[in-house]
PDB file of N, CA and C in Angstrom:
ATOM      1  N   MET A   1     -30.370   7.886  -3.007  1.00  0.00           N
ATOM      2  CA  MET A   1     -29.771   6.556  -2.907  1.00  0.00           C
ATOM      3  C   MET A   1     -28.346   6.606  -3.455  1.00  0.00           C
ATOM      4  N   ASN A   2     -27.375   6.270  -2.611  1.00  0.00           N
ATOM      5  CA  ASN A   2     -25.978   6.261  -3.025  1.00  0.00           C
ATOM      6  C   ASN A   2     -25.641   4.967  -3.745  1.00  0.00           C
ATOM      7  N   THR A   3     -24.891   5.117  -4.793  1.00  0.00           N
ATOM      8  CA  THR A   3     -24.382   3.928  -5.463  1.00  0.00           C
ATOM      9  C   THR A   3     -22.891   3.813  -5.178  1.00  0.00           C
ATOM     10  N   VAL A   4     -22.491   2.629  -4.846  1.00  0.00           N
ATOM     11  CA  VAL A   4     -21.123   2.390  -4.447  1.00  0.00           C
ATOM     12  C   VAL A   4     -20.284   1.846  -5.603  1.00  0.00           C
ATOM     13  N   ALA A   5     -20.910   1.518  -6.708  1.00  0.00           N
ATOM     14  CA  ALA A   5     -20.223   0.867  -7.831  1.00  0.00           C
ATOM     15  C   ALA A   5     -19.042   1.670  -8.385  1.00  0.00           C
ATOM     16  N   PRO A   6     -19.146   2.985  -8.618  1.00  0.00           N
ATOM     17  CA  PRO A   6     -17.975   3.707  -9.142  1.00  0.00           C
ATOM     18  C   PRO A   6     -16.784   3.692  -8.185  1.00  0.00           C
ATOM     19  N   PHE A   7     -17.072   3.735  -6.892  1.00  0.00           N
ATOM     20  CA  PHE A   7     -15.990   3.721  -5.912  1.00  0.00           C
ATOM     21  C   PHE A   7     -15.311   2.348  -5.840  1.00  0.00           C
ATOM     22  N   VAL A   8     -16.110   1.304  -5.934  1.00  0.00           N
ATOM     23  CA  VAL A   8     -15.537  -0.043  -5.925  1.00  0.00           C
ATOM     24  C   VAL A   8     -14.739  -0.281  -7.198  1.00  0.00           C
ATOM     25  N   LEU A   9     -15.232   0.214  -8.331  1.00  0.00           N
ATOM     26  CA  LEU A   9     -14.490   0.082  -9.588  1.00  0.00           C
ATOM     27  C   LEU A   9     -13.157   0.823  -9.503  1.00  0.00           C
ATOM     28  N   LEU A  10     -13.173   2.044  -8.992  1.00  0.00           N
ATOM     29  CA  LEU A  10     -11.930   2.797  -8.821  1.00  0.00           C
ATOM     30  C   LEU A  10     -10.994   2.083  -7.854  1.00  0.00           C
ATOM     31  N   SER A  11     -11.540   1.543  -6.775  1.00  0.00           N
ATOM     32  CA  SER A  11     -10.735   0.803  -5.817  1.00  0.00           C
ATOM     33  C   SER A  11     -10.100  -0.424  -6.462  1.00  0.00           C
ATOM     34  N   ALA A  12     -10.845  -1.137  -7.279  1.00  0.00           N
ATOM     35  CA  ALA A  12     -10.304  -2.317  -7.962  1.00  0.00           C
ATOM     36  C   ALA A  12      -9.204  -1.932  -8.947  1.00  0.00           C
ATOM     37  N   ILE A  13      -9.393  -0.834  -9.650  1.00  0.00           N
ATOM     38  CA  ILE A  13      -8.372  -0.370 -10.601  1.00  0.00           C
ATOM     39  C   ILE A  13      -7.097   0.018  -9.865  1.00  0.00           C
ATOM     40  N   LEU A  14      -7.237   0.765  -8.771  1.00  0.00           N
ATOM     41  CA  LEU A  14      -6.066   1.167  -7.985  1.00  0.00           C
ATOM     42  C   LEU A  14      -5.353  -0.040  -7.385  1.00  0.00           C
ATOM     43  N   PHE A  15      -6.123  -1.015  -6.909  1.00  0.00           N
ATOM     44  CA  PHE A  15      -5.515  -2.210  -6.336  1.00  0.00           C
ATOM     45  C   PHE A  15      -4.765  -2.999  -7.404  1.00  0.00           C
ATOM     46  N   THR A  16      -5.336  -3.087  -8.593  1.00  0.00           N
ATOM     47  CA  THR A  16      -4.674  -3.796  -9.696  1.00  0.00           C
ATOM     48  C   THR A  16      -3.378  -3.108 -10.090  1.00  0.00           C
ATOM     49  N   ILE A  17      -3.391  -1.782 -10.148  1.00  0.00           N
ATOM     50  CA  ILE A  17      -2.159  -1.036 -10.459  1.00  0.00           C
ATOM     51  C   ILE A  17      -1.109  -1.297  -9.382  1.00  0.00           C
ATOM     52  N   GLY A  18      -1.528  -1.350  -8.131  1.00  0.00           N
ATOM     53  CA  GLY A  18      -0.607  -1.638  -7.045  1.00  0.00           C
ATOM     54  C   GLY A  18      -0.009  -3.031  -7.134  1.00  0.00           C
ATOM     55  N   VAL A  19      -0.831  -4.022  -7.448  1.00  0.00           N
ATOM     56  CA  VAL A  19      -0.330  -5.394  -7.592  1.00  0.00           C
ATOM     57  C   VAL A  19       0.659  -5.487  -8.745  1.00  0.00           C
ATOM     58  N   ILE A  20       0.327  -4.855  -9.853  1.00  0.00           N
ATOM     59  CA  ILE A  20       1.236  -4.858 -11.003  1.00  0.00           C
ATOM     60  C   ILE A  20       2.552  -4.181 -10.634  1.00  0.00           C
ATOM     61  N   GLY A  21       2.476  -3.083  -9.885  1.00  0.00           N
ATOM     62  CA  GLY A  21       3.684  -2.398  -9.443  1.00  0.00           C
ATOM     63  C   GLY A  21       4.556  -3.264  -8.552  1.00  0.00           C
ATOM     64  N   VAL A  22       3.945  -4.024  -7.648  1.00  0.00           N
ATOM     65  CA  VAL A  22       4.714  -4.906  -6.768  1.00  0.00           C
ATOM     66  C   VAL A  22       5.365  -6.031  -7.570  1.00  0.00           C
ATOM     67  N   LEU A  23       4.641  -6.562  -8.533  1.00  0.00           N
ATOM     68  CA  LEU A  23       5.159  -7.703  -9.293  1.00  0.00           C
ATOM     69  C   LEU A  23       6.212  -7.320 -10.323  1.00  0.00           C
ATOM     70  N   LEU A  24       6.126  -6.120 -10.883  1.00  0.00           N
ATOM     71  CA  LEU A  24       7.005  -5.767 -11.988  1.00  0.00           C
ATOM     72  C   LEU A  24       8.185  -4.895 -11.603  1.00  0.00           C
ATOM     73  N   ARG A  25       8.108  -4.168 -10.525  1.00  0.00           N
ATOM     74  CA  ARG A  25       9.185  -3.240 -10.166  1.00  0.00           C
ATOM     75  C   ARG A  25      10.270  -3.943  -9.380  1.00  0.00           C
ATOM     76  N   ARG A  26      11.488  -3.481  -9.540  1.00  0.00           N
ATOM     77  CA  ARG A  26      12.636  -4.022  -8.817  1.00  0.00           C
ATOM     78  C   ARG A  26      13.158  -3.030  -7.790  1.00  0.00           C
ATOM     79  N   ASN A  27      12.712  -1.805  -7.848  1.00  0.00           N
ATOM     80  CA  ASN A  27      13.152  -0.773  -6.922  1.00  0.00           C
ATOM     81  C   ASN A  27      12.324  -0.877  -5.640  1.00  0.00           C
ATOM     82  N   ALA A  28      13.003  -0.933  -4.495  1.00  0.00           N
ATOM     83  CA  ALA A  28      12.309  -1.122  -3.222  1.00  0.00           C
ATOM     84  C   ALA A  28      11.353   0.034  -2.914  1.00  0.00           C
ATOM     85  N   ILE A  29      11.722   1.246  -3.277  1.00  0.00           N
ATOM     86  CA  ILE A  29      10.854   2.394  -3.013  1.00  0.00           C
ATOM     87  C   ILE A  29       9.574   2.302  -3.842  1.00  0.00           C
ATOM     88  N   MET A  30       9.689   1.884  -5.090  1.00  0.00           N
ATOM     89  CA  MET A  30       8.504   1.731  -5.935  1.00  0.00           C
ATOM     90  C   MET A  30       7.606   0.601  -5.430  1.00  0.00           C
ATOM     91  N   ILE A  31       8.206  -0.439  -4.881  1.00  0.00           N
ATOM     92  CA  ILE A  31       7.410  -1.529  -4.315  1.00  0.00           C
ATOM     93  C   ILE A  31       6.635  -1.034  -3.096  1.00  0.00           C
ATOM     94  N   PHE A  32       7.291  -0.253  -2.234  1.00  0.00           N
ATOM     95  CA  PHE A  32       6.587   0.312  -1.078  1.00  0.00           C
ATOM     96  C   PHE A  32       5.469   1.251  -1.511  1.00  0.00           C
ATOM     97  N   MET A  33       5.694   2.032  -2.552  1.00  0.00           N
ATOM     98  CA  MET A  33       4.642   2.918  -3.054  1.00  0.00           C
ATOM     99  C   MET A  33       3.467   2.117  -3.603  1.00  0.00           C
ATOM    100  N   SER A  34       3.742   1.001  -4.250  1.00  0.00           N
ATOM    101  CA  SER A  34       2.675   0.142  -4.773  1.00  0.00           C
ATOM    102  C   SER A  34       1.876  -0.496  -3.642  1.00  0.00           C
ATOM    103  N   ILE A  35       2.564  -0.881  -2.579  1.00  0.00           N
ATOM    104  CA  ILE A  35       1.860  -1.433  -1.415  1.00  0.00           C
ATOM    105  C   ILE A  35       0.966  -0.364  -0.788  1.00  0.00           C
ATOM    106  N   GLU A  36       1.454   0.853  -0.703  1.00  0.00           N
ATOM    107  CA  GLU A  36       0.639   1.956  -0.184  1.00  0.00           C
ATOM    108  C   GLU A  36      -0.592   2.191  -1.070  1.00  0.00           C
ATOM    109  N   LEU A  37      -0.417   2.074  -2.369  1.00  0.00           N
ATOM    110  CA  LEU A  37      -1.546   2.236  -3.289  1.00  0.00           C
ATOM    111  C   LEU A  37      -2.593   1.156  -3.045  1.00  0.00           C
ATOM    112  N   MET A  38      -2.154  -0.069  -2.793  1.00  0.00           N
ATOM    113  CA  MET A  38      -3.101  -1.149  -2.508  1.00  0.00           C
ATOM    114  C   MET A  38      -3.828  -0.908  -1.192  1.00  0.00           C
ATOM    115  N   LEU A  39      -3.115  -0.441  -0.178  1.00  0.00           N
ATOM    116  CA  LEU A  39      -3.769  -0.144   1.100  1.00  0.00           C
ATOM    117  C   LEU A  39      -4.793   0.985   0.950  1.00  0.00           C
ATOM    118  N   ASN A  40      -4.443   2.006   0.177  1.00  0.00           N
ATOM    119  CA  ASN A  40      -5.381   3.114  -0.025  1.00  0.00           C
ATOM    120  C   ASN A  40      -6.597   2.687  -0.847  1.00  0.00           C
ATOM    121  N   SER A  41      -6.420   1.760  -1.771  1.00  0.00           N
ATOM    122  CA  SER A  41      -7.582   1.280  -2.528  1.00  0.00           C
ATOM    123  C   SER A  41      -8.522   0.497  -1.613  1.00  0.00           C
ATOM    124  N   ALA A  42      -7.964  -0.267  -0.692  1.00  0.00           N
ATOM    125  CA  ALA A  42      -8.814  -0.967   0.280  1.00  0.00           C
ATOM    126  C   ALA A  42      -9.530   0.032   1.181  1.00  0.00           C
ATOM    127  N   ASN A  43      -8.826   1.094   1.560  1.00  0.00           N
ATOM    128  CA  ASN A  43      -9.457   2.140   2.374  1.00  0.00           C
ATOM    129  C   ASN A  43     -10.624   2.784   1.645  1.00  0.00           C
ATOM    130  N   LEU A  44     -10.456   3.031   0.349  1.00  0.00           N
ATOM    131  CA  LEU A  44     -11.529   3.623  -0.442  1.00  0.00           C
ATOM    132  C   LEU A  44     -12.759   2.721  -0.455  1.00  0.00           C
ATOM    133  N   ALA A  45     -12.546   1.428  -0.603  1.00  0.00           N
ATOM    134  CA  ALA A  45     -13.675   0.489  -0.590  1.00  0.00           C
ATOM    135  C   ALA A  45     -14.347   0.457   0.781  1.00  0.00           C
ATOM    136  N   PHE A  46     -13.540   0.460   1.852  1.00  0.00           N
ATOM    137  CA  PHE A  46     -14.122   0.480   3.197  1.00  0.00           C
ATOM    138  C   PHE A  46     -14.983   1.716   3.412  1.00  0.00           C
ATOM    139  N   VAL A  47     -14.494   2.874   3.014  1.00  0.00           N
ATOM    140  CA  VAL A  47     -15.246   4.112   3.218  1.00  0.00           C
ATOM    141  C   VAL A  47     -16.505   4.128   2.354  1.00  0.00           C
ATOM    142  N   ALA A  48     -16.402   3.635   1.134  1.00  0.00           N
ATOM    143  CA  ALA A  48     -17.575   3.610   0.241  1.00  0.00           C
ATOM    144  C   ALA A  48     -18.676   2.732   0.822  1.00  0.00           C
ATOM    145  N   PHE A  49     -18.315   1.539   1.280  1.00  0.00           N
ATOM    146  CA  PHE A  49     -19.332   0.652   1.853  1.00  0.00           C
ATOM    147  C   PHE A  49     -19.845   1.186   3.189  1.00  0.00           C
ATOM    148  N   SER A  50     -18.967   1.794   3.962  1.00  0.00           N
ATOM    149  CA  SER A  50     -19.394   2.380   5.224  1.00  0.00           C
ATOM    150  C   SER A  50     -20.411   3.487   4.995  1.00  0.00           C
ATOM    151  N   ASN A  51     -20.171   4.304   3.981  1.00  0.00           N
ATOM    152  CA  ASN A  51     -21.096   5.382   3.647  1.00  0.00           C
ATOM    153  C   ASN A  51     -22.423   4.829   3.134  1.00  0.00           C
ATOM    154  N   GLN A  52     -22.367   3.781   2.338  1.00  0.00           N
ATOM    155  CA  GLN A  52     -23.599   3.212   1.789  1.00  0.00           C
ATOM    156  C   GLN A  52     -24.475   2.619   2.881  1.00  0.00           C
ATOM    157  N   TRP A  53     -23.865   1.923   3.833  1.00  0.00           N
ATOM    158  CA  TRP A  53     -24.641   1.265   4.877  1.00  0.00           C
ATOM    159  C   TRP A  53     -24.916   2.168   6.073  1.00  0.00           C
ATOM    160  N   GLY A  54     -24.321   3.359   6.090  1.00  0.00           N
ATOM    161  CA  GLY A  54     -24.588   4.296   7.160  1.00  0.00           C
ATOM    162  C   GLY A  54     -23.988   3.909   8.506  1.00  0.00           C
ATOM    163  N   LYS A  55     -22.899   3.145   8.478  1.00  0.00           N
ATOM    164  CA  LYS A  55     -22.241   2.736   9.708  1.00  0.00           C
ATOM    165  C   LYS A  55     -20.811   3.266   9.705  1.00  0.00           C
ATOM    166  N   LEU A  56     -20.243   3.409  10.870  1.00  0.00           N
ATOM    167  CA  LEU A  56     -18.888   3.943  10.986  1.00  0.00           C
ATOM    168  C   LEU A  56     -17.826   2.849  11.114  1.00  0.00           C
ATOM    169  N   ASP A  57     -18.215   1.591  11.026  1.00  0.00           N
ATOM    170  CA  ASP A  57     -17.260   0.499  11.197  1.00  0.00           C
ATOM    171  C   ASP A  57     -16.152   0.545  10.145  1.00  0.00           C
ATOM    172  N   GLY A  58     -16.517   0.775   8.893  1.00  0.00           N
ATOM    173  CA  GLY A  58     -15.524   0.834   7.819  1.00  0.00           C
ATOM    174  C   GLY A  58     -14.555   1.976   7.999  1.00  0.00           C
ATOM    175  N   GLN A  59     -15.053   3.105   8.465  1.00  0.00           N
ATOM    176  CA  GLN A  59     -14.167   4.252   8.682  1.00  0.00           C
ATOM    177  C   GLN A  59     -13.246   4.023   9.870  1.00  0.00           C
ATOM    178  N   LEU A  60     -13.689   3.266  10.849  1.00  0.00           N
ATOM    179  CA  LEU A  60     -12.833   2.913  11.971  1.00  0.00           C
ATOM    180  C   LEU A  60     -11.703   1.988  11.514  1.00  0.00           C
ATOM    181  N   ILE A  61     -12.028   1.037  10.647  1.00  0.00           N
ATOM    182  CA  ILE A  61     -11.004   0.147  10.096  1.00  0.00           C
ATOM    183  C   ILE A  61      -9.999   0.944   9.278  1.00  0.00           C
ATOM    184  N   VAL A  62     -10.472   1.933   8.524  1.00  0.00           N
ATOM    185  CA  VAL A  62      -9.579   2.775   7.729  1.00  0.00           C
ATOM    186  C   VAL A  62      -8.590   3.502   8.636  1.00  0.00           C
ATOM    187  N   PHE A  63      -9.052   3.954   9.786  1.00  0.00           N
ATOM    188  CA  PHE A  63      -8.158   4.627  10.735  1.00  0.00           C
ATOM    189  C   PHE A  63      -7.012   3.706  11.141  1.00  0.00           C
ATOM    190  N   PHE A  64      -7.321   2.451  11.450  1.00  0.00           N
ATOM    191  CA  PHE A  64      -6.279   1.511  11.853  1.00  0.00           C
ATOM    192  C   PHE A  64      -5.382   1.126  10.680  1.00  0.00           C
ATOM    193  N   VAL A  65      -5.947   0.998   9.488  1.00  0.00           N
ATOM    194  CA  VAL A  65      -5.127   0.701   8.309  1.00  0.00           C
ATOM    195  C   VAL A  65      -4.155   1.846   8.044  1.00  0.00           C
ATOM    196  N   MET A  66      -4.601   3.078   8.211  1.00  0.00           N
ATOM    197  CA  MET A  66      -3.707   4.222   8.016  1.00  0.00           C
ATOM    198  C   MET A  66      -2.595   4.244   9.062  1.00  0.00           C
ATOM    199  N   ALA A  67      -2.903   3.843  10.282  1.00  0.00           N
ATOM    200  CA  ALA A  67      -1.873   3.780  11.323  1.00  0.00           C
ATOM    201  C   ALA A  67      -0.837   2.708  10.991  1.00  0.00           C
ATOM    202  N   VAL A  68      -1.290   1.565  10.524  1.00  0.00           N
ATOM    203  CA  VAL A  68      -0.366   0.503  10.122  1.00  0.00           C
ATOM    204  C   VAL A  68       0.452   0.941   8.915  1.00  0.00           C
ATOM    205  N   ALA A  69      -0.171   1.634   7.961  1.00  0.00           N
ATOM    206  CA  ALA A  69       0.543   2.101   6.767  1.00  0.00           C
ATOM    207  C   ALA A  69       1.618   3.124   7.147  1.00  0.00           C
ATOM    208  N   ALA A  70       1.321   3.995   8.095  1.00  0.00           N
ATOM    209  CA  ALA A  70       2.317   4.975   8.521  1.00  0.00           C
ATOM    210  C   ALA A  70       3.497   4.286   9.198  1.00  0.00           C
ATOM    211  N   THR A  71       3.213   3.277   9.989  1.00  0.00           N
ATOM    212  CA  THR A  71       4.281   2.513  10.629  1.00  0.00           C
ATOM    213  C   THR A  71       5.108   1.772   9.594  1.00  0.00           C
ATOM    214  N   GLU A  72       4.437   1.196   8.612  1.00  0.00           N
ATOM    215  CA  GLU A  72       5.126   0.470   7.544  1.00  0.00           C
ATOM    216  C   GLU A  72       6.048   1.400   6.765  1.00  0.00           C
ATOM    217  N   VAL A  73       5.604   2.598   6.507  1.00  0.00           N
ATOM    218  CA  VAL A  73       6.428   3.565   5.785  1.00  0.00           C
ATOM    219  C   VAL A  73       7.651   3.949   6.613  1.00  0.00           C
ATOM    220  N   ALA A  74       7.459   4.200   7.891  1.00  0.00           N
ATOM    221  CA  ALA A  74       8.581   4.603   8.732  1.00  0.00           C
ATOM    222  C   ALA A  74       9.635   3.498   8.824  1.00  0.00           C
ATOM    223  N   VAL A  75       9.199   2.281   9.092  1.00  0.00           N
ATOM    224  CA  VAL A  75      10.137   1.166   9.204  1.00  0.00           C
ATOM    225  C   VAL A  75      10.727   0.824   7.841  1.00  0.00           C
ATOM    226  N   GLY A  76       9.890   0.796   6.817  1.00  0.00           N
ATOM    227  CA  GLY A  76      10.371   0.458   5.476  1.00  0.00           C
ATOM    228  C   GLY A  76      11.393   1.443   4.943  1.00  0.00           C
ATOM    229  N   LEU A  77      11.130   2.717   5.115  1.00  0.00           N
ATOM    230  CA  LEU A  77      12.090   3.709   4.639  1.00  0.00           C
ATOM    231  C   LEU A  77      13.385   3.671   5.440  1.00  0.00           C
ATOM    232  N   ALA A  78      13.297   3.382   6.726  1.00  0.00           N
ATOM    233  CA  ALA A  78      14.520   3.240   7.521  1.00  0.00           C
ATOM    234  C   ALA A  78      15.349   2.056   7.017  1.00  0.00           C
ATOM    235  N   LEU A  79      14.681   0.965   6.694  1.00  0.00           N
ATOM    236  CA  LEU A  79      15.396  -0.192   6.138  1.00  0.00           C
ATOM    237  C   LEU A  79      16.002   0.126   4.777  1.00  0.00           C
ATOM    238  N   ILE A  80      15.248   0.813   3.938  1.00  0.00           N
ATOM    239  CA  ILE A  80      15.750   1.145   2.597  1.00  0.00           C
ATOM    240  C   ILE A  80      16.963   2.066   2.692  1.00  0.00           C
ATOM    241  N   VAL A  81      16.920   3.056   3.585  1.00  0.00           N
ATOM    242  CA  VAL A  81      18.064   3.961   3.748  1.00  0.00           C
ATOM    243  C   VAL A  81      19.285   3.194   4.246  1.00  0.00           C
ATOM    244  N   THR A  82      19.077   2.293   5.195  1.00  0.00           N
ATOM    245  CA  THR A  82      20.191   1.489   5.710  1.00  0.00           C
ATOM    246  C   THR A  82      20.771   0.594   4.623  1.00  0.00           C
ATOM    247  N   ILE A  83      19.916  -0.036   3.850  1.00  0.00           N
ATOM    248  CA  ILE A  83      20.382  -0.900   2.760  1.00  0.00           C
ATOM    249  C   ILE A  83      21.095  -0.069   1.702  1.00  0.00           C
ATOM    250  N   PHE A  84      20.587   1.120   1.414  1.00  0.00           N
ATOM    251  CA  PHE A  84      21.234   1.965   0.415  1.00  0.00           C
ATOM    252  C   PHE A  84      22.632   2.381   0.865  1.00  0.00           C
ATOM    253  N   HIS A  85      22.785   2.639   2.168  1.00  0.00           N
ATOM    254  CA  HIS A  85      24.107   3.026   2.677  1.00  0.00           C
ATOM    255  C   HIS A  85      25.115   1.888   2.550  1.00  0.00           C
ATOM    256  N   THR A  86      24.659   0.648   2.687  1.00  0.00           N
ATOM    257  CA  THR A  86      25.590  -0.476   2.610  1.00  0.00           C
ATOM    258  C   THR A  86      25.786  -0.983   1.188  1.00  0.00           C
ATOM    259  N   LYS A  87      24.725  -1.029   0.389  1.00  0.00           N
ATOM    260  CA  LYS A  87      24.795  -1.608  -0.958  1.00  0.00           C
ATOM    261  C   LYS A  87      24.875  -0.572  -2.079  1.00  0.00           C
ATOM    262  N   LYS A  88      24.585   0.690  -1.789  1.00  0.00           N
ATOM    263  CA  LYS A  88      24.536   1.766  -2.791  1.00  0.00           C
ATOM    264  C   LYS A  88      23.523   1.488  -3.900  1.00  0.00           C
ATOM    265  N   SER A  89      22.465   0.763  -3.556  1.00  0.00           N
ATOM    266  CA  SER A  89      21.414   0.452  -4.514  1.00  0.00           C
ATOM    267  C   SER A  89      20.140   0.118  -3.746  1.00  0.00           C
ATOM    268  N   THR A  90      18.976   0.378  -4.378  1.00  0.00           N
ATOM    269  CA  THR A  90      17.702  -0.021  -3.791  1.00  0.00           C
ATOM    270  C   THR A  90      17.044  -1.112  -4.613  1.00  0.00           C
ATOM    271  N   ASP A  91      17.801  -1.773  -5.448  1.00  0.00           N
ATOM    272  CA  ASP A  91      17.292  -2.866  -6.274  1.00  0.00           C
ATOM    273  C   ASP A  91      17.091  -4.095  -5.389  1.00  0.00           C
ATOM    274  N   VAL A  92      15.897  -4.676  -5.418  1.00  0.00           N
ATOM    275  CA  VAL A  92      15.607  -5.804  -4.547  1.00  0.00           C
ATOM    276  C   VAL A  92      16.362  -7.059  -4.961  1.00  0.00           C
ATOM    277  N   ASP A  93      16.820  -7.135  -6.189  1.00  0.00           N
ATOM    278  CA  ASP A  93      17.619  -8.289  -6.601  1.00  0.00           C
ATOM    279  C   ASP A  93      18.971  -8.303  -5.896  1.00  0.00           C
ATOM    280  N   ASP A  94      19.486  -7.143  -5.534  1.00  0.00           N
ATOM    281  CA  ASP A  94      20.749  -7.070  -4.800  1.00  0.00           C
ATOM    282  C   ASP A  94      20.615  -7.555  -3.369  1.00  0.00           C
ATOM    283  N   LEU A  95      19.395  -7.566  -2.850  1.00  0.00           N
ATOM    284  CA  LEU A  95      19.189  -7.958  -1.460  1.00  0.00           C
ATOM    285  C   LEU A  95      19.323  -9.457  -1.239  1.00  0.00           C
ATOM    286  N   SER A  96      19.230 -10.244  -2.298  1.00  0.00           N
ATOM    287  CA  SER A  96      19.360 -11.687  -2.143  1.00  0.00           C
ATOM    288  C   SER A  96      20.792 -12.078  -1.768  1.00  0.00           C
ATOM    289  N   GLN A  97      21.731 -11.164  -1.945  1.00  0.00           N
ATOM    290  CA  GLN A  97      23.122 -11.434  -1.602  1.00  0.00           C
ATOM    291  C   GLN A  97      23.412 -11.156  -0.133  1.00  0.00           C
ATOM    292  N   MET A  98      22.411 -10.733   0.622  1.00  0.00           N
ATOM    293  CA  MET A  98      22.615 -10.372   2.023  1.00  0.00           C
ATOM    294  C   MET A  98      22.407 -11.557   2.959  1.00  0.00           C
ATOM    295  N   LYS A  99      22.421 -12.757   2.430  1.00  0.00           N
ATOM    296  CA  LYS A  99      22.220 -13.936   3.279  1.00  0.00           C
ATOM    297  C   LYS A  99      23.376 -14.072   4.251  1.00  0.00           C
ATOM    298  N   GLY A 100      23.054 -14.541   5.463  1.00  0.00           N
ATOM    299  CA  GLY A 100      24.036 -14.620   6.522  1.00  0.00           C
ATOM    300  C   GLY A 100      24.894 -15.784   6.454  1.00  0.00           C
TER     301      GLY A 100
END
């Protein structure tokens, strides 16, 4: 009998670290890394529950979440590089000055 509790606890801890990282960091790269940590913690929970119930639905959702995360990284890093070239900083507080 598989127990899912340690995996859910680890997932909750990772998600909490990710939320704290998003709320406290000012660097855009660190914020993107925290968002990735939150997505991976959700993936861990999906896989744990999928394994416990013996169904592949959770693992299928993880596949799509990973595809979205890869797209988010590609677009996000392209934006960060472009912003760095214009502002010479990745501080998100500097981005509020980019209003049109």
